[in-house]
PDB file of N, CA and C in Angstrom:
ATOM      1  N   UNK A   1       6.281  17.643  46.191  1.00  0.00           N
ATOM      2  CA  UNK A   1       5.563  17.109  45.069  1.00  0.00           C
ATOM      3  C   UNK A   1       4.060  17.369  45.202  1.00  0.00           C
ATOM      4  N   UNK A   2       3.283  16.813  44.322  1.00  0.00           N
ATOM      5  CA  UNK A   2       1.838  17.047  44.308  1.00  0.00           C
ATOM      6  C   UNK A   2       1.127  16.570  45.576  1.00  0.00           C
ATOM      7  N   UNK A   3       1.572  15.462  46.158  1.00  0.00           N
ATOM      8  CA  UNK A   3       0.918  14.968  47.379  1.00  0.00           C
ATOM      9  C   UNK A   3       1.144  15.937  48.525  1.00  0.00           C
ATOM     10  N   UNK A   4       2.377  16.406  48.687  1.00  0.00           N
ATOM     11  CA  UNK A   4       2.663  17.364  49.760  1.00  0.00           C
ATOM     12  C   UNK A   4       1.917  18.675  49.538  1.00  0.00           C
ATOM     13  N   UNK A   5       1.828  19.116  48.301  1.00  0.00           N
ATOM     14  CA  UNK A   5       1.077  20.339  48.003  1.00  0.00           C
ATOM     15  C   UNK A   5      -0.384  20.177  48.404  1.00  0.00           C
ATOM     16  N   UNK A   6      -0.967  19.021  48.073  1.00  0.00           N
ATOM     17  CA  UNK A   6      -2.362  18.741  48.452  1.00  0.00           C
ATOM     18  C   UNK A   6      -2.514  18.725  49.974  1.00  0.00           C
ATOM     19  N   UNK A   7      -1.596  18.051  50.660  1.00  0.00           N
ATOM     20  CA  UNK A   7      -1.669  17.984  52.124  1.00  0.00           C
ATOM     21  C   UNK A   7      -1.578  19.371  52.751  1.00  0.00           C
ATOM     22  N   UNK A   8      -0.655  20.173  52.286  1.00  0.00           N
ATOM     23  CA  UNK A   8      -0.472  21.525  52.841  1.00  0.00           C
ATOM     24  C   UNK A   8      -1.690  22.403  52.592  1.00  0.00           C
ATOM     25  N   UNK A   9      -2.335  22.217  51.440  1.00  0.00           N
ATOM     26  CA  UNK A   9      -3.513  23.025  51.119  1.00  0.00           C
ATOM     27  C   UNK A   9      -4.759  22.546  51.847  1.00  0.00           C
ATOM     28  N   UNK A  10      -4.775  21.282  52.273  1.00  0.00           N
ATOM     29  CA  UNK A  10      -5.979  20.677  52.828  1.00  0.00           C
ATOM     30  C   UNK A  10      -5.965  20.561  54.353  1.00  0.00           C
ATOM     31  N   UNK A  11      -4.789  20.338  54.934  1.00  0.00           N
ATOM     32  CA  UNK A  11      -4.694  20.072  56.369  1.00  0.00           C
ATOM     33  C   UNK A  11      -3.768  21.077  57.038  1.00  0.00           C
ATOM     34  N   UNK A  12      -4.155  21.507  58.253  1.00  0.00           N
ATOM     35  CA  UNK A  12      -3.298  22.426  59.000  1.00  0.00           C
ATOM     36  C   UNK A  12      -2.123  21.695  59.632  1.00  0.00           C
ATOM     37  N   UNK A  13      -2.415  20.573  60.283  1.00  0.00           N
ATOM     38  CA  UNK A  13      -1.381  19.826  60.996  1.00  0.00           C
ATOM     39  C   UNK A  13      -1.868  18.388  61.182  1.00  0.00           C
ATOM     40  N   UNK A  14      -0.949  17.451  61.369  1.00  0.00           N
ATOM     41  CA  UNK A  14      -1.369  16.073  61.637  1.00  0.00           C
ATOM     42  C   UNK A  14      -2.138  15.987  62.951  1.00  0.00           C
ATOM     43  N   UNK A  15      -3.047  15.045  63.014  1.00  0.00           N
ATOM     44  CA  UNK A  15      -3.758  14.793  64.266  1.00  0.00           C
ATOM     45  C   UNK A  15      -2.821  14.033  65.210  1.00  0.00           C
ATOM     46  N   UNK A  16      -3.153  13.946  66.499  1.00  0.00           N
ATOM     47  CA  UNK A  16      -2.282  13.206  67.419  1.00  0.00           C
ATOM     48  C   UNK A  16      -2.027  11.753  66.979  1.00  0.00           C
ATOM     49  N   UNK A  17      -3.050  11.057  66.487  1.00  0.00           N
ATOM     50  CA  UNK A  17      -2.854   9.657  66.087  1.00  0.00           C
ATOM     51  C   UNK A  17      -1.911   9.574  64.881  1.00  0.00           C
ATOM     52  N   UNK A  18      -1.983  10.549  63.982  1.00  0.00           N
ATOM     53  CA  UNK A  18      -1.077  10.575  62.827  1.00  0.00           C
ATOM     54  C   UNK A  18       0.351  10.909  63.269  1.00  0.00           C
ATOM     55  N   UNK A  19       0.487  11.884  64.154  1.00  0.00           N
ATOM     56  CA  UNK A  19       1.813  12.282  64.635  1.00  0.00           C
ATOM     57  C   UNK A  19       2.521  11.138  65.336  1.00  0.00           C
ATOM     58  N   UNK A  20       1.755  10.321  66.045  1.00  0.00           N
ATOM     59  CA  UNK A  20       2.352   9.187  66.752  1.00  0.00           C
ATOM     60  C   UNK A  20       2.557   7.979  65.849  1.00  0.00           C
ATOM     61  N   UNK A  21       1.646   7.770  64.906  1.00  0.00           N
ATOM     62  CA  UNK A  21       1.703   6.572  64.069  1.00  0.00           C
ATOM     63  C   UNK A  21       2.641   6.663  62.887  1.00  0.00           C
ATOM     64  N   UNK A  22       2.667   7.810  62.218  1.00  0.00           N
ATOM     65  CA  UNK A  22       3.474   7.925  61.002  1.00  0.00           C
ATOM     66  C   UNK A  22       4.945   7.558  61.195  1.00  0.00           C
ATOM     67  N   UNK A  23       5.630   8.067  62.225  1.00  0.00           N
ATOM     68  CA  UNK A  23       7.046   7.703  62.363  1.00  0.00           C
ATOM     69  C   UNK A  23       7.246   6.192  62.550  1.00  0.00           C
ATOM     70  N   UNK A  24       6.321   5.559  63.234  1.00  0.00           N
ATOM     71  CA  UNK A  24       6.437   4.114  63.486  1.00  0.00           C
ATOM     72  C   UNK A  24       6.301   3.332  62.185  1.00  0.00           C
ATOM     73  N   UNK A  25       5.208   3.579  61.452  1.00  0.00           N
ATOM     74  CA  UNK A  25       4.968   2.795  60.242  1.00  0.00           C
ATOM     75  C   UNK A  25       5.927   3.168  59.112  1.00  0.00           C
ATOM     76  N   UNK A  26       6.368   4.409  59.056  1.00  0.00           N
ATOM     77  CA  UNK A  26       7.325   4.792  58.017  1.00  0.00           C
ATOM     78  C   UNK A  26       8.701   4.178  58.238  1.00  0.00           C
ATOM     79  N   UNK A  27       8.972   3.724  59.466  1.00  0.00           N
ATOM     80  CA  UNK A  27      10.199   2.976  59.738  1.00  0.00           C
ATOM     81  C   UNK A  27      10.014   1.487  59.469  1.00  0.00           C
ATOM     82  N   UNK A  28       8.804   1.094  59.048  1.00  0.00           N
ATOM     83  CA  UNK A  28       8.560  -0.300  58.703  1.00  0.00           C
ATOM     84  C   UNK A  28       8.076  -1.167  59.843  1.00  0.00           C
ATOM     85  N   UNK A  29       7.675  -0.549  60.951  1.00  0.00           N
ATOM     86  CA  UNK A  29       7.192  -1.307  62.097  1.00  0.00           C
ATOM     87  C   UNK A  29       5.672  -1.445  62.052  1.00  0.00           C
ATOM     88  N   UNK A  30       5.171  -2.486  62.690  1.00  0.00           N
ATOM     89  CA  UNK A  30       3.735  -2.655  62.831  1.00  0.00           C
ATOM     90  C   UNK A  30       3.215  -1.645  63.849  1.00  0.00           C
ATOM     91  N   UNK A  31       1.954  -1.290  63.710  1.00  0.00           N
ATOM     92  CA  UNK A  31       1.359  -0.304  64.601  1.00  0.00           C
ATOM     93  C   UNK A  31      -0.115  -0.624  64.784  1.00  0.00           C
ATOM     94  N   UNK A  32      -0.564  -0.649  66.007  1.00  0.00           N
ATOM     95  CA  UNK A  32      -1.990  -0.760  66.309  1.00  0.00           C
ATOM     96  C   UNK A  32      -2.396   0.558  66.932  1.00  0.00           C
ATOM     97  N   UNK A  33      -3.386   1.197  66.327  1.00  0.00           N
ATOM     98  CA  UNK A  33      -3.795   2.517  66.787  1.00  0.00           C
ATOM     99  C   UNK A  33      -5.278   2.500  67.145  1.00  0.00           C
ATOM    100  N   UNK A  34      -5.587   2.969  68.316  1.00  0.00           N
ATOM    101  CA  UNK A  34      -6.967   3.068  68.774  1.00  0.00           C
ATOM    102  C   UNK A  34      -7.286   4.538  69.005  1.00  0.00           C
ATOM    103  N   UNK A  35      -8.340   4.991  68.356  1.00  0.00           N
ATOM    104  CA  UNK A  35      -8.738   6.383  68.522  1.00  0.00           C
ATOM    105  C   UNK A  35     -10.197   6.523  68.104  1.00  0.00           C
ATOM    106  N   UNK A  36     -10.798   7.618  68.505  1.00  0.00           N
ATOM    107  CA  UNK A  36     -12.205   7.854  68.208  1.00  0.00           C
ATOM    108  C   UNK A  36     -12.443   8.092  66.719  1.00  0.00           C
ATOM    109  N   UNK A  37     -13.694   7.930  66.316  1.00  0.00           N
ATOM    110  CA  UNK A  37     -14.114   8.249  64.958  1.00  0.00           C
ATOM    111  C   UNK A  37     -13.787   9.708  64.650  1.00  0.00           C
ATOM    112  N   UNK A  38     -13.255   9.967  63.459  1.00  0.00           N
ATOM    113  CA  UNK A  38     -12.928  11.332  63.069  1.00  0.00           C
ATOM    114  C   UNK A  38     -11.579  11.814  63.539  1.00  0.00           C
ATOM    115  N   UNK A  39     -10.764  10.917  64.110  1.00  0.00           N
ATOM    116  CA  UNK A  39      -9.468  11.326  64.659  1.00  0.00           C
ATOM    117  C   UNK A  39      -8.336  11.264  63.643  1.00  0.00           C
ATOM    118  N   UNK A  40      -8.617  10.763  62.429  1.00  0.00           N
ATOM    119  CA  UNK A  40      -7.582  10.711  61.410  1.00  0.00           C
ATOM    120  C   UNK A  40      -6.880   9.372  61.272  1.00  0.00           C
ATOM    121  N   UNK A  41      -7.499   8.313  61.796  1.00  0.00           N
ATOM    122  CA  UNK A  41      -6.868   6.990  61.713  1.00  0.00           C
ATOM    123  C   UNK A  41      -6.654   6.549  60.270  1.00  0.00           C
ATOM    124  N   UNK A  42      -7.643   6.758  59.408  1.00  0.00           N
ATOM    125  CA  UNK A  42      -7.520   6.277  58.034  1.00  0.00           C
ATOM    126  C   UNK A  42      -6.335   6.933  57.335  1.00  0.00           C
ATOM    127  N   UNK A  43      -6.228   8.238  57.425  1.00  0.00           N
ATOM    128  CA  UNK A  43      -5.077   8.920  56.834  1.00  0.00           C
ATOM    129  C   UNK A  43      -3.795   8.503  57.547  1.00  0.00           C
ATOM    130  N   UNK A  44      -3.935   8.094  58.803  1.00  0.00           N
ATOM    131  CA  UNK A  44      -2.787   7.618  59.573  1.00  0.00           C
ATOM    132  C   UNK A  44      -2.113   6.409  58.952  1.00  0.00           C
ATOM    133  N   UNK A  45      -2.882   5.539  58.297  1.00  0.00           N
ATOM    134  CA  UNK A  45      -2.244   4.418  57.597  1.00  0.00           C
ATOM    135  C   UNK A  45      -2.236   4.616  56.085  1.00  0.00           C
ATOM    136  N   UNK A  46      -3.149   5.425  55.562  1.00  0.00           N
ATOM    137  CA  UNK A  46      -3.212   5.609  54.110  1.00  0.00           C
ATOM    138  C   UNK A  46      -1.982   6.343  53.573  1.00  0.00           C
ATOM    139  N   UNK A  47      -1.612   7.420  54.216  1.00  0.00           N
ATOM    140  CA  UNK A  47      -0.484   8.203  53.712  1.00  0.00           C
ATOM    141  C   UNK A  47       0.821   7.400  53.721  1.00  0.00           C
ATOM    142  N   UNK A  48       1.173   6.706  54.814  1.00  0.00           N
ATOM    143  CA  UNK A  48       2.388   5.880  54.754  1.00  0.00           C
ATOM    144  C   UNK A  48       2.306   4.775  53.699  1.00  0.00           C
ATOM    145  N   UNK A  49       1.114   4.241  53.465  1.00  0.00           N
ATOM    146  CA  UNK A  49       1.006   3.201  52.440  1.00  0.00           C
ATOM    147  C   UNK A  49       1.226   3.788  51.051  1.00  0.00           C
ATOM    148  N   UNK A  50       0.800   5.028  50.826  1.00  0.00           N
ATOM    149  CA  UNK A  50       1.045   5.691  49.544  1.00  0.00           C
ATOM    150  C   UNK A  50       2.542   5.966  49.383  1.00  0.00           C
ATOM    151  N   UNK A  51       3.201   6.372  50.465  1.00  0.00           N
ATOM    152  CA  UNK A  51       4.655   6.573  50.428  1.00  0.00           C
ATOM    153  C   UNK A  51       5.335   5.262  50.047  1.00  0.00           C
ATOM    154  N   UNK A  52       4.922   4.157  50.668  1.00  0.00           N
ATOM    155  CA  UNK A  52       5.474   2.836  50.355  1.00  0.00           C
ATOM    156  C   UNK A  52       5.212   2.482  48.894  1.00  0.00           C
ATOM    157  N   UNK A  53       3.982   2.699  48.453  1.00  0.00           N
ATOM    158  CA  UNK A  53       3.589   2.374  47.088  1.00  0.00           C
ATOM    159  C   UNK A  53       4.443   3.127  46.072  1.00  0.00           C
ATOM    160  N   UNK A  54       4.637   4.415  46.315  1.00  0.00           N
ATOM    161  CA  UNK A  54       5.390   5.232  45.365  1.00  0.00           C
ATOM    162  C   UNK A  54       6.876   4.867  45.355  1.00  0.00           C
ATOM    163  N   UNK A  55       7.371   4.208  46.398  1.00  0.00           N
ATOM    164  CA  UNK A  55       8.779   3.807  46.460  1.00  0.00           C
ATOM    165  C   UNK A  55       9.043   2.502  45.705  1.00  0.00           C
ATOM    166  N   UNK A  56       7.991   1.808  45.287  1.00  0.00           N
ATOM    167  CA  UNK A  56       8.143   0.539  44.581  1.00  0.00           C
ATOM    168  C   UNK A  56       8.367   0.768  43.096  1.00  0.00           C
ATOM    169  N   UNK A  57       8.959  -0.231  42.445  1.00  0.00           N
ATOM    170  CA  UNK A  57       9.056  -0.173  40.994  1.00  0.00           C
ATOM    171  C   UNK A  57       7.657  -0.385  40.426  1.00  0.00           C
ATOM    172  N   UNK A  58       7.433   0.126  39.239  1.00  0.00           N
ATOM    173  CA  UNK A  58       6.125   0.006  38.599  1.00  0.00           C
ATOM    174  C   UNK A  58       5.807  -1.476  38.379  1.00  0.00           C
ATOM    175  N   UNK A  59       4.673  -1.960  38.888  1.00  0.00           N
ATOM    176  CA  UNK A  59       4.340  -3.369  38.687  1.00  0.00           C
ATOM    177  C   UNK A  59       4.043  -3.659  37.214  1.00  0.00           C
ATOM    178  N   UNK A  60       4.299  -4.884  36.832  1.00  0.00           N
ATOM    179  CA  UNK A  60       3.984  -5.322  35.470  1.00  0.00           C
ATOM    180  C   UNK A  60       2.468  -5.357  35.304  1.00  0.00           C
ATOM    181  N   UNK A  61       1.981  -5.300  34.075  1.00  0.00           N
ATOM    182  CA  UNK A  61       0.533  -5.402  33.863  1.00  0.00           C
ATOM    183  C   UNK A  61      -0.026  -6.665  34.521  1.00  0.00           C
ATOM    184  N   UNK A  62      -1.168  -6.521  35.149  1.00  0.00           N
ATOM    185  CA  UNK A  62      -1.867  -7.603  35.845  1.00  0.00           C
ATOM    186  C   UNK A  62      -1.138  -8.068  37.106  1.00  0.00           C
ATOM    187  N   UNK A  63      -0.165  -7.305  37.557  1.00  0.00           N
ATOM    188  CA  UNK A  63       0.551  -7.629  38.783  1.00  0.00           C
ATOM    189  C   UNK A  63       0.057  -6.708  39.885  1.00  0.00           C
ATOM    190  N   UNK A  64      -0.028  -7.211  41.072  1.00  0.00           N
ATOM    191  CA  UNK A  64      -0.458  -6.375  42.188  1.00  0.00           C
ATOM    192  C   UNK A  64      -1.600  -7.031  42.912  1.00  0.00           C
ATOM    193  N   UNK A  65      -2.180  -6.431  43.889  1.00  0.00           N
ATOM    194  CA  UNK A  65      -1.953  -5.049  44.342  1.00  0.00           C
ATOM    195  C   UNK A  65      -0.666  -4.918  45.142  1.00  0.00           C
ATOM    196  N   UNK A  66      -0.138  -3.709  45.182  1.00  0.00           N
ATOM    197  CA  UNK A  66       1.052  -3.431  45.963  1.00  0.00           C
ATOM    198  C   UNK A  66       0.655  -3.113  47.406  1.00  0.00           C
ATOM    199  N   UNK A  67      -0.496  -2.489  47.584  1.00  0.00           N
ATOM    200  CA  UNK A  67      -1.026  -2.183  48.915  1.00  0.00           C
ATOM    201  C   UNK A  67      -2.408  -2.814  49.009  1.00  0.00           C
ATOM    202  N   UNK A  68      -2.653  -3.533  50.099  1.00  0.00           N
ATOM    203  CA  UNK A  68      -3.948  -4.151  50.329  1.00  0.00           C
ATOM    204  C   UNK A  68      -4.422  -3.750  51.720  1.00  0.00           C
ATOM    205  N   UNK A  69      -5.618  -3.174  51.790  1.00  0.00           N
ATOM    206  CA  UNK A  69      -6.207  -2.758  53.057  1.00  0.00           C
ATOM    207  C   UNK A  69      -7.432  -3.637  53.301  1.00  0.00           C
ATOM    208  N   UNK A  70      -7.512  -4.244  54.462  1.00  0.00           N
ATOM    209  CA  UNK A  70      -8.655  -5.065  54.831  1.00  0.00           C
ATOM    210  C   UNK A  70      -9.473  -4.340  55.884  1.00  0.00           C
ATOM    211  N   UNK A  71     -10.778  -4.437  55.784  1.00  0.00           N
ATOM    212  CA  UNK A  71     -11.672  -3.805  56.753  1.00  0.00           C
ATOM    213  C   UNK A  71     -12.812  -4.776  57.041  1.00  0.00           C
ATOM    214  N   UNK A  72     -13.399  -4.713  58.231  1.00  0.00           N
ATOM    215  CA  UNK A  72     -14.411  -5.700  58.619  1.00  0.00           C
ATOM    216  C   UNK A  72     -15.808  -5.482  58.039  1.00  0.00           C
ATOM    217  N   UNK A  73     -16.102  -4.300  57.513  1.00  0.00           N
ATOM    218  CA  UNK A  73     -17.450  -4.055  57.001  1.00  0.00           C
ATOM    219  C   UNK A  73     -17.386  -3.365  55.646  1.00  0.00           C
ATOM    220  N   UNK A  74     -18.455  -3.510  54.893  1.00  0.00           N
ATOM    221  CA  UNK A  74     -18.562  -2.859  53.599  1.00  0.00           C
ATOM    222  C   UNK A  74     -18.494  -1.343  53.760  1.00  0.00           C
ATOM    223  N   UNK A  75     -19.174  -0.819  54.768  1.00  0.00           N
ATOM    224  CA  UNK A  75     -19.176   0.626  54.998  1.00  0.00           C
ATOM    225  C   UNK A  75     -17.769   1.144  55.275  1.00  0.00           C
ATOM    226  N   UNK A  76     -17.023   0.422  56.087  1.00  0.00           N
ATOM    227  CA  UNK A  76     -15.673   0.865  56.431  1.00  0.00           C
ATOM    228  C   UNK A  76     -14.730   0.780  55.231  1.00  0.00           C
ATOM    229  N   UNK A  77     -14.861  -0.247  54.404  1.00  0.00           N
ATOM    230  CA  UNK A  77     -13.988  -0.323  53.224  1.00  0.00           C
ATOM    231  C   UNK A  77     -14.361   0.775  52.234  1.00  0.00           C
ATOM    232  N   UNK A  78     -15.641   1.115  52.133  1.00  0.00           N
ATOM    233  CA  UNK A  78     -16.060   2.210  51.247  1.00  0.00           C
ATOM    234  C   UNK A  78     -15.493   3.541  51.742  1.00  0.00           C
ATOM    235  N   UNK A  79     -15.536   3.776  53.054  1.00  0.00           N
ATOM    236  CA  UNK A  79     -14.974   5.001  53.622  1.00  0.00           C
ATOM    237  C   UNK A  79     -13.462   5.064  53.398  1.00  0.00           C
ATOM    238  N   UNK A  80     -12.799   3.928  53.559  1.00  0.00           N
ATOM    239  CA  UNK A  80     -11.349   3.864  53.361  1.00  0.00           C
ATOM    240  C   UNK A  80     -10.997   4.139  51.901  1.00  0.00           C
ATOM    241  N   UNK A  81     -11.737   3.523  50.984  1.00  0.00           N
ATOM    242  CA  UNK A  81     -11.498   3.758  49.553  1.00  0.00           C
ATOM    243  C   UNK A  81     -11.719   5.232  49.213  1.00  0.00           C
ATOM    244  N   UNK A  82     -12.742   5.843  49.789  1.00  0.00           N
ATOM    245  CA  UNK A  82     -12.995   7.274  49.553  1.00  0.00           C
ATOM    246  C   UNK A  82     -11.808   8.120  50.004  1.00  0.00           C
ATOM    247  N   UNK A  83     -11.222   7.771  51.147  1.00  0.00           N
ATOM    248  CA  UNK A  83     -10.066   8.517  51.652  1.00  0.00           C
ATOM    249  C   UNK A  83      -8.879   8.367  50.703  1.00  0.00           C
ATOM    250  N   UNK A  84      -8.636   7.159  50.223  1.00  0.00           N
ATOM    251  CA  UNK A  84      -7.551   6.939  49.264  1.00  0.00           C
ATOM    252  C   UNK A  84      -7.803   7.680  47.957  1.00  0.00           C
ATOM    253  N   UNK A  85      -9.064   7.729  47.531  1.00  0.00           N
ATOM    254  CA  UNK A  85      -9.390   8.393  46.264  1.00  0.00           C
ATOM    255  C   UNK A  85      -9.054   9.885  46.285  1.00  0.00           C
ATOM    256  N   UNK A  86      -9.039  10.489  47.471  1.00  0.00           N
ATOM    257  CA  UNK A  86      -8.660  11.898  47.570  1.00  0.00           C
ATOM    258  C   UNK A  86      -7.231  12.118  47.056  1.00  0.00           C
ATOM    259  N   UNK A  87      -6.404  11.074  47.106  1.00  0.00           N
ATOM    260  CA  UNK A  87      -4.999  11.179  46.723  1.00  0.00           C
ATOM    261  C   UNK A  87      -4.716  10.623  45.332  1.00  0.00           C
ATOM    262  N   UNK A  88      -5.703  10.017  44.702  1.00  0.00           N
ATOM    263  CA  UNK A  88      -5.496   9.372  43.410  1.00  0.00           C
ATOM    264  C   UNK A  88      -4.822  10.280  42.393  1.00  0.00           C
ATOM    265  N   UNK A  89      -5.376  11.448  42.210  1.00  0.00           N
ATOM    266  CA  UNK A  89      -4.867  12.365  41.187  1.00  0.00           C
ATOM    267  C   UNK A  89      -3.464  12.860  41.529  1.00  0.00           C
ATOM    268  N   UNK A  90      -3.206  13.132  42.795  1.00  0.00           N
ATOM    269  CA  UNK A  90      -1.930  13.705  43.204  1.00  0.00           C
ATOM    270  C   UNK A  90      -0.821  12.665  43.277  1.00  0.00           C
ATOM    271  N   UNK A  91      -1.164  11.460  43.720  1.00  0.00           N
ATOM    272  CA  UNK A  91      -0.160  10.400  43.864  1.00  0.00           C
ATOM    273  C   UNK A  91      -0.091   9.506  42.630  1.00  0.00           C
ATOM    274  N   UNK A  92      -1.053   9.679  41.722  1.00  0.00           N
ATOM    275  CA  UNK A  92      -1.116   8.856  40.509  1.00  0.00           C
ATOM    276  C   UNK A  92      -1.163   7.372  40.856  1.00  0.00           C
ATOM    277  N   UNK A  93      -2.145   7.026  41.689  1.00  0.00           N
ATOM    278  CA  UNK A  93      -2.374   5.637  42.075  1.00  0.00           C
ATOM    279  C   UNK A  93      -3.796   5.242  41.687  1.00  0.00           C
ATOM    280  N   UNK A  94      -4.024   3.953  41.573  1.00  0.00           N
ATOM    281  CA  UNK A  94      -5.364   3.438  41.312  1.00  0.00           C
ATOM    282  C   UNK A  94      -5.911   2.848  42.603  1.00  0.00           C
ATOM    283  N   UNK A  95      -7.201   3.064  42.817  1.00  0.00           N
ATOM    284  CA  UNK A  95      -7.876   2.569  44.013  1.00  0.00           C
ATOM    285  C   UNK A  95      -9.034   1.691  43.574  1.00  0.00           C
ATOM    286  N   UNK A  96      -9.153   0.550  44.191  1.00  0.00           N
ATOM    287  CA  UNK A  96     -10.284  -0.332  43.941  1.00  0.00           C
ATOM    288  C   UNK A  96     -10.732  -0.927  45.252  1.00  0.00           C
ATOM    289  N   UNK A  97     -11.911  -1.494  45.258  1.00  0.00           N
ATOM    290  CA  UNK A  97     -12.365  -2.150  46.483  1.00  0.00           C
ATOM    291  C   UNK A  97     -13.178  -3.378  46.110  1.00  0.00           C
ATOM    292  N   UNK A  98     -13.123  -4.356  46.969  1.00  0.00           N
ATOM    293  CA  UNK A  98     -13.919  -5.571  46.804  1.00  0.00           C
ATOM    294  C   UNK A  98     -14.489  -5.912  48.172  1.00  0.00           C
ATOM    295  N   UNK A  99     -15.707  -6.379  48.186  1.00  0.00           N
ATOM    296  CA  UNK A  99     -16.331  -6.737  49.455  1.00  0.00           C
ATOM    297  C   UNK A  99     -17.339  -7.842  49.196  1.00  0.00           C
ATOM    298  N   UNK A 100     -17.642  -8.596  50.229  1.00  0.00           N
ATOM    299  CA  UNK A 100     -18.579  -9.702  50.102  1.00  0.00           C
ATOM    300  C   UNK A 100     -20.006  -9.213  49.998  1.00  0.00           C
ATOM    301  N   UNK A 101     -20.804  -9.931  49.220  1.00  0.00           N
ATOM    302  CA  UNK A 101     -22.212  -9.587  49.063  1.00  0.00           C
ATOM    303  C   UNK A 101     -23.077 -10.339  50.067  1.00  0.00           C
ATOM    304  N   UNK A 102     -24.338  -9.984  50.108  1.00  0.00           N
ATOM    305  CA  UNK A 102     -25.271 -10.631  51.033  1.00  0.00           C
ATOM    306  C   UNK A 102     -25.423 -12.113  50.764  1.00  0.00           C
ATOM    307  N   UNK A 103     -25.362 -12.496  49.481  1.00  0.00           N
ATOM    308  CA  UNK A 103     -25.563 -13.890  49.146  1.00  0.00           C
ATOM    309  C   UNK A 103     -24.254 -14.677  49.077  1.00  0.00           C
ATOM    310  N   UNK A 104     -23.163 -14.084  49.553  1.00  0.00           N
ATOM    311  CA  UNK A 104     -21.879 -14.770  49.556  1.00  0.00           C
ATOM    312  C   UNK A 104     -21.070 -14.560  48.288  1.00  0.00           C
ATOM    313  N   UNK A 105     -21.667 -13.929  47.291  1.00  0.00           N
ATOM    314  CA  UNK A 105     -20.954 -13.637  46.055  1.00  0.00           C
ATOM    315  C   UNK A 105     -20.140 -12.349  46.248  1.00  0.00           C
ATOM    316  N   UNK A 106     -19.019 -12.271  45.578  1.00  0.00           N
ATOM    317  CA  UNK A 106     -18.183 -11.077  45.704  1.00  0.00           C
ATOM    318  C   UNK A 106     -18.765  -9.939  44.870  1.00  0.00           C
ATOM    319  N   UNK A 107     -18.777  -8.766  45.448  1.00  0.00           N
ATOM    320  CA  UNK A 107     -19.165  -7.545  44.748  1.00  0.00           C
ATOM    321  C   UNK A 107     -17.900  -6.746  44.523  1.00  0.00           C
ATOM    322  N   UNK A 108     -17.857  -5.985  43.483  1.00  0.00           N
ATOM    323  CA  UNK A 108     -16.686  -5.144  43.207  1.00  0.00           C
ATOM    324  C   UNK A 108     -17.165  -3.719  42.949  1.00  0.00           C
ATOM    325  N   UNK A 109     -16.405  -2.759  43.457  1.00  0.00           N
ATOM    326  CA  UNK A 109     -16.783  -1.361  43.265  1.00  0.00           C
ATOM    327  C   UNK A 109     -15.641  -0.540  42.786  1.00  0.00           C
TER     328      UNK A 109
END
């Protein structure tokens, strides 16, 4: 499908963290992965979550989210959302992010 076509055109092979993590999470098990920056951790959980998302029935209007990713910093959630956005067109998913503001009010992006 379109996601696999995008992956094949964009990536040569999974990184070690992806090769080890994908089989675990795709079987429905929890996984804690520690690896250096740039090692592919985000795609390591993003791709299986998209697979999970696409396997669900279409949510009713105003229902969801089907996948929720939490991150400890605004910068990290922005980077994660950017990674998911690479797949938006191919997987036909919507990506949004919310993070706390400096004054305690919620910001939305």
